[in-house]
Amino acid sequence: MKTPLAGHGPLYRQVHELIVARIVDGQWQPGDLLPSEFDLADEFGVSQGTVRKALNTLAAENLVVRHQGKGTFVAAHTPQRELFHFFHIEGADGARQMPVTSRLLATTNRRASRDEADRLDLPANGHVFTIERIRDLGGRPVIWERIVLPARMFVGLDQLDELPNELYQIYEEFFGVTIHRAIEELRAVAAERAEARHLGLTAGAPLLEVDRLAETVDGTPVEWRLSRCDTRAHHYLSEIV
């Protein structure tokens, strides 16, 4: 079925937006193989070069993955991809240390606070699901974490037998929520009593707080995560390329 372009701007950008819209609408799911460049070009009434430029742009944005000889697939979360794209803590020696275990402290389903409603764009009486946990690096507790999610988008999350260390794959596979990008703010904070106890520190010890708001492809905020990190033997790495 033909889908002629009717937007404005460069043709490759119009093709890009149509493909994004189909991913957002769920017509193409994470892991799905997209039609060939030839078929997309025929459908949209453009050249293969225009489709190729649109797909290359989507690949640069981590929305699709291109495999030589196999085709182009909608990007899907794996634990490895989640760590590579979203975890930026490494050891003082420069070695990339990945959290392989986490200890669940508490889960709650409650009415959102004002700050939570504001950050997640929820109504005043909206409910949230929260996860509080400790993550280990190098065999010792290093990160205290609180994760806040819109309850209406994650119905049944609290019924899962266990929560894995990396959550974005679970969001995608069980709840159809794909994290596309995250905005992080960093600041120094003093450890509160409970955090200090779990991390083996004294109350008031310095921690690095990573305040992350994660969004879907269409910009909907779906996760507010506060991670407070003991940086005595670790630091935050941001690589700009």
Protein backbone atom coordinates (compact mmCIF):
# COMPACT_ATOMS: atom_id res chain seq x y z
CA MET A 1 0.00 0.00 0.00
CA LYS A 2 1.41 3.38 -1.02
CA THR A 3 2.02 6.03 1.65
CA PRO A 4 2.91 9.22 -0.20
CA LEU A 5 4.79 11.85 1.75
CA ALA A 6 2.75 14.89 2.72
CA GLY A 7 5.01 16.65 5.20
CA HIS A 8 7.53 19.44 4.95
CA GLY A 9 11.31 19.55 4.93
CA PRO A 10 13.88 17.21 3.38
CA LEU A 11 12.46 13.96 2.03
CA TYR A 12 14.75 11.78 4.15
CA ARG A 13 13.51 13.59 7.29
CA GLN A 14 9.87 12.95 6.28
CA VAL A 15 10.65 9.26 5.83
CA HIS A 16 12.44 9.30 9.19
CA GLU A 17 9.37 10.76 10.92
CA LEU A 18 7.01 8.22 9.33
CA ILE A 19 9.16 5.32 10.51
CA VAL A 20 9.39 6.79 14.01
CA ALA A 21 5.60 7.19 14.10
CA ARG A 22 5.12 3.52 13.23
CA ILE A 23 7.54 2.47 15.98
CA VAL A 24 5.73 4.69 18.49
CA ASP A 25 2.34 3.30 17.39
CA GLY A 26 3.60 -0.25 17.82
CA GLN A 27 3.24 -1.22 14.16
CA TRP A 28 6.90 -2.22 14.32
CA GLN A 29 7.97 -3.76 17.61
CA PRO A 30 11.47 -3.94 19.12
CA GLY A 31 13.39 -6.65 17.27
CA ASP A 32 11.15 -6.54 14.17
CA LEU A 33 12.76 -6.60 10.74
CA LEU A 34 11.81 -3.52 8.72
CA PRO A 35 10.85 -3.77 5.04
CA SER A 36 13.77 -3.53 2.64
CA GLU A 37 15.06 -0.19 1.38
CA PHE A 38 13.52 -1.02 -2.00
CA ASP A 39 10.09 -1.73 -0.48
CA LEU A 40 10.15 1.40 1.70
CA ALA A 41 11.24 3.53 -1.25
CA ASP A 42 8.39 2.12 -3.33
CA GLU A 43 5.84 2.70 -0.56
CA PHE A 44 6.90 6.29 0.13
CA GLY A 45 7.56 7.20 -3.49
CA VAL A 46 11.19 8.23 -2.92
CA SER A 47 14.60 6.96 -3.98
CA GLN A 48 16.47 4.19 -2.17
CA GLY A 49 19.15 6.76 -1.38
CA THR A 50 16.58 8.84 0.52
CA VAL A 51 15.42 5.79 2.50
CA ARG A 52 19.04 4.82 3.21
CA LYS A 53 19.77 8.29 4.60
CA ALA A 54 16.67 8.11 6.81
CA LEU A 55 17.65 4.66 8.12
CA ASN A 56 21.23 5.74 8.77
CA THR A 57 19.91 8.68 10.80
CA LEU A 58 17.67 6.33 12.79
CA ALA A 59 20.64 4.04 13.41
CA ALA A 60 22.70 6.99 14.69
CA GLU A 61 19.82 7.74 17.10
CA ASN A 62 19.84 4.07 18.29
CA LEU A 63 16.28 3.55 17.10
CA VAL A 64 17.21 0.86 14.59
CA VAL A 65 20.10 -1.55 14.15
CA ARG A 66 21.49 -2.32 10.69
CA HIS A 67 23.04 -5.75 10.05
CA GLN A 68 24.93 -6.25 6.82
CA GLY A 69 23.24 -8.90 4.72
CA LYS A 70 20.31 -9.28 7.13
CA GLY A 71 18.50 -5.95 7.06
CA THR A 72 17.41 -3.23 9.46
CA PHE A 73 15.76 -4.07 12.78
CA VAL A 74 13.94 -1.98 15.37
CA ALA A 75 16.39 -1.64 18.26
CA ALA A 76 15.64 -3.84 21.26
CA HIS A 77 17.04 -3.59 24.76
CA THR A 78 19.41 -6.25 26.05
CA PRO A 79 21.27 -6.13 29.39
CA GLN A 80 24.50 -5.47 27.48
CA ARG A 81 23.01 -2.60 25.45
CA GLU A 82 21.43 -1.08 28.55
CA LEU A 83 24.73 -1.05 30.40
CA PHE A 84 26.67 0.33 27.45
CA HIS A 85 24.26 3.19 26.78
CA PHE A 86 22.97 4.05 30.24
CA PHE A 87 25.54 3.05 32.88
CA HIS A 88 28.45 5.45 33.30
CA ILE A 89 30.15 4.48 36.58
CA GLU A 90 33.61 2.97 36.37
CA GLY A 91 36.47 2.09 38.71
CA ALA A 92 39.16 4.57 39.71
CA ASP A 93 41.62 2.59 37.58
CA GLY A 94 39.52 3.26 34.47
CA ALA A 95 38.15 -0.28 34.28
CA ARG A 96 34.48 -0.55 33.32
CA GLN A 97 32.75 -2.33 36.18
CA MET A 98 29.23 -3.49 35.58
CA PRO A 99 26.74 -4.13 38.38
CA VAL A 100 26.01 -7.85 38.27
CA THR A 101 23.89 -8.02 41.42
CA SER A 102 21.40 -5.81 43.20
CA ARG A 103 19.55 -6.16 46.49
CA LEU A 104 15.90 -5.13 46.61
CA LEU A 105 15.08 -3.07 49.69
CA ALA A 106 11.44 -2.12 49.11
CA THR A 107 8.69 -1.77 46.51
CA THR A 108 5.60 0.39 46.90
CA ASN A 109 2.49 1.33 44.95
CA ARG A 110 1.20 4.68 46.19
CA ARG A 111 -0.05 8.12 45.24
CA ALA A 112 2.63 10.25 43.58
CA SER A 113 4.20 13.11 45.47
CA ARG A 114 4.05 16.55 43.88
CA ASP A 115 7.65 16.24 42.65
CA GLU A 116 7.00 12.77 41.21
CA ALA A 117 3.85 13.93 39.43
CA ASP A 118 5.70 16.91 37.98
CA ARG A 119 8.67 14.88 36.76
CA LEU A 120 6.56 12.11 35.24
CA ASP A 121 3.81 14.39 33.92
CA LEU A 122 1.12 12.67 36.01
CA PRO A 123 -2.23 14.03 37.25
CA ALA A 124 -2.31 15.20 40.86
CA ASN A 125 -3.99 11.96 41.99
CA GLY A 126 -1.78 9.69 39.85
CA HIS A 127 -0.13 6.63 41.35
CA VAL A 128 3.47 5.48 41.07
CA PHE A 129 5.33 2.24 41.53
CA THR A 130 8.65 2.67 43.34
CA ILE A 131 11.68 0.40 43.62
CA GLU A 132 14.43 0.97 46.18
CA ARG A 133 17.57 -1.14 45.92
CA ILE A 134 21.32 -1.40 46.44
CA ARG A 135 23.65 -2.21 43.51
CA ASP A 136 27.05 -3.84 43.96
CA LEU A 137 30.23 -3.09 42.06
CA GLY A 138 33.35 -5.17 42.49
CA GLY A 139 31.70 -7.24 45.19
CA ARG A 140 30.68 -4.39 47.50
CA PRO A 141 27.65 -2.06 47.78
CA VAL A 142 28.30 1.16 45.86
CA ILE A 143 24.95 2.55 44.64
CA TRP A 144 21.69 3.26 46.48
CA GLU A 145 18.86 3.68 43.98
CA ARG A 146 15.22 4.75 43.97
CA ILE A 147 13.21 4.24 40.77
CA VAL A 148 9.77 5.82 40.29
CA LEU A 149 7.42 4.65 37.51
CA PRO A 150 3.88 5.60 36.44
CA ALA A 151 1.80 2.78 37.90
CA ARG A 152 -0.71 2.81 35.02
CA MET A 153 2.06 1.91 32.54
CA PHE A 154 3.54 -0.91 34.64
CA VAL A 155 0.51 -2.81 35.93
CA GLY A 156 1.68 -6.08 37.46
CA LEU A 157 5.34 -5.14 37.88
CA ASP A 158 5.06 -5.80 41.60
CA GLN A 159 3.76 -9.30 40.82
CA LEU A 160 6.91 -10.45 39.02
CA ASP A 161 8.80 -13.17 40.90
CA GLU A 162 12.00 -11.14 40.80
CA LEU A 163 13.37 -7.98 39.24
CA PRO A 164 16.58 -8.29 37.23
CA ASN A 165 19.57 -6.04 37.76
CA GLU A 166 18.91 -4.33 34.40
CA LEU A 167 15.30 -3.21 34.09
CA TYR A 168 14.89 -1.67 30.64
CA GLN A 169 14.58 -5.05 28.92
CA ILE A 170 11.76 -5.96 31.34
CA TYR A 171 10.01 -2.65 30.62
CA GLU A 172 10.14 -3.44 26.92
CA GLU A 173 9.26 -7.14 26.92
CA PHE A 174 6.53 -7.17 29.59
CA PHE A 175 5.03 -3.69 29.39
CA GLY A 176 5.75 -2.44 25.86
CA VAL A 177 7.72 0.55 27.19
CA THR A 178 10.95 1.23 25.31
CA ILE A 179 13.46 3.65 26.84
CA HIS A 180 14.96 5.74 24.05
CA ARG A 181 16.90 8.43 25.86
CA ALA A 182 17.71 9.65 29.35
CA ILE A 183 18.53 13.08 30.71
CA GLU A 184 20.88 13.08 33.70
CA GLU A 185 21.82 15.76 36.22
CA LEU A 186 24.72 15.31 38.66
CA ARG A 187 25.32 16.85 42.04
CA ALA A 188 27.14 16.18 45.31
CA VAL A 189 24.96 15.20 48.28
CA ALA A 190 25.45 14.02 51.86
CA ALA A 191 24.47 10.44 52.64
CA GLU A 192 21.29 10.12 54.67
CA ARG A 193 21.27 7.68 57.57
CA ALA A 194 19.57 4.78 55.77
CA GLU A 195 21.70 5.15 52.62
CA ALA A 196 24.87 5.33 54.69
CA ARG A 197 23.98 2.16 56.57
CA HIS A 198 23.39 0.18 53.38
CA LEU A 199 26.58 1.48 51.73
CA GLY A 200 28.77 0.99 54.80
CA LEU A 201 29.33 4.72 55.31
CA THR A 202 28.80 7.23 58.07
CA ALA A 203 25.80 9.58 57.81
CA GLY A 204 26.80 12.74 55.99
CA ALA A 205 29.49 11.07 53.88
CA PRO A 206 29.74 12.53 50.36
CA LEU A 207 27.86 10.79 47.56
CA LEU A 208 27.42 11.53 43.85
CA GLU A 209 23.74 11.80 42.98
CA VAL A 210 22.70 10.95 39.41
CA ASP A 211 19.18 12.26 38.74
CA ARG A 212 17.88 10.57 35.57
CA LEU A 213 14.64 11.11 33.69
CA ALA A 214 14.12 8.43 31.04
CA GLU A 215 11.81 8.92 28.06
CA THR A 216 10.22 6.85 25.30
CA VAL A 217 10.69 7.49 21.58
CA ASP A 218 7.93 10.13 21.55
CA GLY A 219 9.37 11.96 24.58
CA THR A 220 6.99 10.59 27.23
CA PRO A 221 8.71 10.52 30.66
CA VAL A 222 8.37 7.00 32.09
CA GLU A 223 11.08 6.63 34.74
CA TRP A 224 12.58 8.93 37.36
CA ARG A 225 15.68 7.37 38.87
CA LEU A 226 17.83 8.73 41.69
CA SER A 227 21.16 6.92 42.07
CA ARG A 228 23.45 7.91 44.93
CA CYS A 229 26.96 6.57 44.42
CA ASP A 230 29.91 6.05 46.75
CA THR A 231 32.77 7.46 44.66
CA ARG A 232 35.68 6.59 46.94
CA ALA A 233 36.74 3.97 44.38
CA HIS A 234 34.52 4.92 41.42
CA HIS A 235 33.70 7.90 39.22
CA TYR A 236 31.18 8.97 36.59
CA LEU A 237 32.43 8.82 33.01
CA SER A 238 30.87 10.80 30.16
CA GLU A 239 32.46 10.26 26.76
CA ILE A 240 31.77 12.88 24.10
CA VAL A 241 32.41 11.79 20.51
